[in-house]
Amino acid sequence: MSRTTKKKRGGVVHQFILVDPNLCTGCEILNLFDRGRNTCESVCSFVHDGEFNPINTRIHRVRIEPILNVALACQKCDDAPCVRACPEKALEQNKETGSIIVDDDKCNGCAFCIRACDFGVLNLHIISQKALICDLCDTMKEDYINPERGETYPACIDFCPKEAISLKDVEQIGEEKRIDAVKRLFGEILKETEG
């Protein structure tokens, strides 16, 4: 599955992780492998590091009591502030996918990228002290690639029990927003035609 789609005018539209706050429960599912930790955060750390440690995640659950649970991942900003802020030039944006790639050999753990991120979705690996950022599981360990899929794919999407996490591009999101707006604006007319 390609993580980019071509725009009608020849440019590239990047896909990124999107979480539906109406479905996300911040579940903290308790199961045999995941001792009370968040599913998306634990699965993310596991497929990259081989251990359940949500501190080393690339997707981040945010809970604002009592009304909102949602997870955030890299938003693949154009002219990404995290890339610009890195004094070691350890971060680079992949032009095809939009993902931010961390060169661990150059990253010194200064955390300038973390401070520059408008969404707060970067962090440092607790042991290596290297920057962590969602790359749509491109760097997941080969052992954890779903054999049915045969290629890397965001594990948080596959394991979310509420199916709240998806991979979308801005054109898909825009289309969904337009449909919702039409339904709100013309709800009465639509109800009449359905009934």
Protein backbone atom coordinates (compact mmCIF):
# COMPACT_ATOMS: atom_id res chain seq x y z
CA MET A 1 0.00 0.00 0.00
CA SER A 2 1.48 3.33 -1.03
CA ARG A 3 1.72 5.97 1.65
CA THR A 4 1.42 8.75 -0.87
CA THR A 5 -1.15 9.61 -3.47
CA LYS A 6 -0.68 11.83 -6.47
CA LYS A 7 -2.58 15.08 -6.52
CA LYS A 8 -4.54 15.95 -9.63
CA ARG A 9 -2.04 18.73 -10.36
CA GLY A 10 1.02 16.48 -10.02
CA GLY A 11 2.06 17.11 -6.40
CA VAL A 12 2.14 14.53 -3.63
CA VAL A 13 -0.36 14.14 -0.80
CA HIS A 14 1.11 12.51 2.31
CA GLN A 15 -0.81 10.13 4.51
CA PHE A 16 -0.68 10.36 8.27
CA ILE A 17 -2.18 8.82 11.37
CA LEU A 18 -5.60 10.20 12.26
CA VAL A 19 -7.47 9.33 15.45
CA ASP A 20 -11.22 9.75 15.76
CA PRO A 21 -11.85 11.31 19.20
CA ASN A 22 -15.41 9.97 19.08
CA LEU A 23 -14.06 6.41 19.02
CA CYS A 24 -10.80 6.65 20.98
CA THR A 25 -11.27 5.71 24.61
CA GLY A 26 -7.63 6.01 25.73
CA CYS A 27 -8.29 2.34 26.42
CA GLU A 28 -5.32 1.21 28.47
CA ILE A 29 -6.40 -2.32 27.65
CA LEU A 30 -5.23 -5.01 30.02
CA ASN A 31 -4.27 -8.19 28.23
CA LEU A 32 -1.71 -10.96 28.41
CA PHE A 33 1.07 -8.98 26.73
CA ASP A 34 0.19 -5.44 27.71
CA ARG A 35 0.11 -5.06 31.46
CA GLY A 36 -2.38 -2.19 31.66
CA ARG A 37 -0.60 0.05 29.19
CA ASN A 38 -2.16 1.84 26.25
CA THR A 39 -2.64 -0.39 23.28
CA CYS A 40 -1.44 2.02 20.56
CA GLU A 41 1.51 3.24 22.63
CA SER A 42 2.59 -0.24 23.74
CA VAL A 43 2.21 -1.81 20.29
CA CYS A 44 4.23 1.05 18.80
CA SER A 45 7.13 0.57 21.20
CA PHE A 46 6.98 -3.20 20.78
CA VAL A 47 7.21 -3.30 16.97
CA HIS A 48 10.14 -0.87 17.04
CA ASP A 49 12.07 -2.00 20.14
CA GLY A 50 10.77 -5.50 20.89
CA GLU A 51 9.39 -4.51 24.31
CA PHE A 52 6.22 -2.97 25.68
CA ASN A 53 7.35 0.43 26.93
CA PRO A 54 4.95 3.29 26.15
CA ILE A 55 7.65 5.78 27.13
CA ASN A 56 9.40 4.83 23.87
CA THR A 57 6.33 5.30 21.69
CA ARG A 58 5.90 7.32 18.54
CA ILE A 59 2.16 7.84 19.06
CA HIS A 60 0.96 9.66 22.18
CA ARG A 61 -2.29 9.36 24.08
CA VAL A 62 -3.70 12.62 25.40
CA ARG A 63 -6.44 12.61 28.01
CA ILE A 64 -8.24 15.79 28.97
CA GLU A 65 -10.57 14.88 31.80
CA PRO A 66 -13.40 14.18 31.74
CA ILE A 67 -14.34 14.53 28.10
CA LEU A 68 -11.54 13.79 25.64
CA ASN A 69 -9.24 10.89 24.87
CA VAL A 70 -7.23 10.99 21.69
CA ALA A 71 -3.85 9.87 20.38
CA LEU A 72 -1.53 12.04 18.31
CA ALA A 73 1.28 11.18 15.92
CA CYS A 74 3.47 13.18 13.52
CA GLN A 75 1.43 15.52 11.34
CA LYS A 76 4.12 15.67 8.63
CA CYS A 77 4.23 19.46 8.54
CA ASP A 78 5.45 21.20 5.41
CA ASP A 79 8.77 22.83 6.26
CA ALA A 80 8.72 20.86 9.53
CA PRO A 81 9.82 22.92 12.55
CA CYS A 82 11.50 19.87 14.12
CA VAL A 83 13.75 19.45 11.07
CA ARG A 84 14.62 23.16 11.00
CA ALA A 85 15.39 23.18 14.75
CA CYS A 86 17.90 20.33 14.73
CA PRO A 87 21.42 21.80 15.04
CA GLU A 88 22.99 18.45 14.10
CA LYS A 89 20.92 18.02 10.90
CA ALA A 90 19.83 14.62 12.26
CA LEU A 91 16.25 14.97 11.03
CA GLU A 92 15.24 14.93 7.39
CA GLN A 93 11.81 14.86 5.76
CA ASN A 94 11.25 12.14 3.20
CA LYS A 95 9.89 13.99 0.18
CA GLU A 96 7.84 10.98 -1.01
CA THR A 97 6.12 10.00 2.25
CA GLY A 98 6.46 13.18 4.31
CA SER A 99 7.81 11.13 7.23
CA ILE A 100 10.54 12.62 9.36
CA ILE A 101 13.59 10.36 9.36
CA VAL A 102 15.98 10.43 12.33
CA ASP A 103 19.65 9.72 11.65
CA ASP A 104 20.63 8.10 14.96
CA ASP A 105 24.32 8.57 14.14
CA LYS A 106 23.84 12.36 14.06
CA CYS A 107 21.21 12.76 16.80
CA ASN A 108 22.80 13.84 20.08
CA GLY A 109 19.58 13.98 22.13
CA CYS A 110 19.56 17.77 22.49
CA ALA A 111 15.72 17.78 22.24
CA PHE A 112 15.53 20.97 20.14
CA CYS A 113 13.17 19.04 17.83
CA ILE A 114 10.86 18.23 20.74
CA ARG A 115 10.60 21.88 21.73
CA ALA A 116 10.01 22.92 18.12
CA CYS A 117 7.13 20.49 17.46
CA ASP A 118 3.77 22.30 17.56
CA PHE A 119 1.97 19.03 18.32
CA GLY A 120 4.26 17.64 21.03
CA VAL A 121 4.62 14.29 19.28
CA LEU A 122 8.38 13.81 19.48
CA ASN A 123 10.20 12.37 22.44
CA LEU A 124 13.56 10.82 23.31
CA HIS A 125 14.13 7.09 23.61
CA ILE A 126 14.64 6.41 27.30
CA ILE A 127 17.85 4.41 26.76
CA SER A 128 19.46 5.68 23.55
CA GLN A 129 18.35 9.30 24.07
CA LYS A 130 17.69 9.57 20.32
CA ALA A 131 14.65 11.36 18.88
CA LEU A 132 11.54 9.24 18.28
CA ILE A 133 8.88 10.25 15.77
CA CYS A 134 6.15 8.35 13.93
CA ASP A 135 7.34 7.04 10.59
CA LEU A 136 4.20 4.97 9.91
CA CYS A 137 6.15 1.92 11.13
CA ASP A 138 8.63 2.04 8.23
CA THR A 139 11.37 1.20 10.75
CA MET A 140 9.48 -1.56 12.60
CA LYS A 141 11.41 -4.75 13.23
CA GLU A 142 10.98 -7.27 10.40
CA ASP A 143 9.86 -9.94 12.89
CA TYR A 144 6.67 -7.98 13.54
CA ILE A 145 5.55 -7.36 9.97
CA ASN A 146 2.12 -8.88 9.49
CA PRO A 147 2.72 -11.81 7.08
CA GLU A 148 -0.72 -11.38 5.54
CA ARG A 149 0.13 -7.78 4.64
CA GLY A 150 3.75 -8.52 3.69
CA GLU A 151 4.92 -4.94 4.24
CA THR A 152 5.27 -2.45 7.04
CA TYR A 153 2.04 -0.80 8.13
CA PRO A 154 1.19 1.25 11.23
CA ALA A 155 0.71 -1.34 13.98
CA CYS A 156 -1.41 1.05 16.05
CA ILE A 157 -4.09 0.88 13.32
CA ASP A 158 -4.11 -2.91 13.26
CA PHE A 159 -4.33 -3.25 17.05
CA CYS A 160 -6.73 -0.45 18.00
CA PRO A 161 -9.72 -2.30 19.53
CA LYS A 162 -12.11 0.58 18.73
CA GLU A 163 -10.85 1.09 15.16
CA ALA A 164 -10.30 4.73 16.08
CA ILE A 165 -6.96 5.04 14.28
CA SER A 166 -6.69 5.32 10.52
CA LEU A 167 -4.27 6.33 7.80
CA LYS A 168 -5.61 9.17 5.69
CA ASP A 169 -4.50 12.01 3.50
CA VAL A 170 -5.80 15.58 3.62
CA GLU A 171 -8.00 15.06 0.57
CA GLN A 172 -9.82 12.17 2.28
CA ILE A 173 -10.24 14.21 5.45
CA GLY A 174 -11.55 17.18 3.46
CA GLU A 175 -14.10 15.00 1.67
CA GLU A 176 -15.33 13.56 4.98
CA LYS A 177 -15.65 17.07 6.45
CA ARG A 178 -17.63 18.26 3.42
CA ILE A 179 -20.02 15.31 3.71
CA ASP A 180 -20.52 16.01 7.44
CA ALA A 181 -21.15 19.69 6.71
CA VAL A 182 -23.76 18.89 4.06
CA LYS A 183 -25.48 16.47 6.42
CA ARG A 184 -25.61 19.16 9.13
CA LEU A 185 -26.77 21.89 6.77
CA PHE A 186 -29.32 19.82 4.90
CA GLY A 187 -30.25 17.24 7.53
CA GLU A 188 -33.96 17.90 7.34
CA ILE A 189 -34.04 17.60 3.57
CA LEU A 190 -32.04 14.37 3.71
CA LYS A 191 -34.41 12.91 6.32
CA GLU A 192 -37.39 13.73 4.10
CA THR A 193 -35.88 11.98 1.09
CA GLU A 194 -34.95 8.89 3.16
CA GLY A 195 -38.44 8.57 4.70
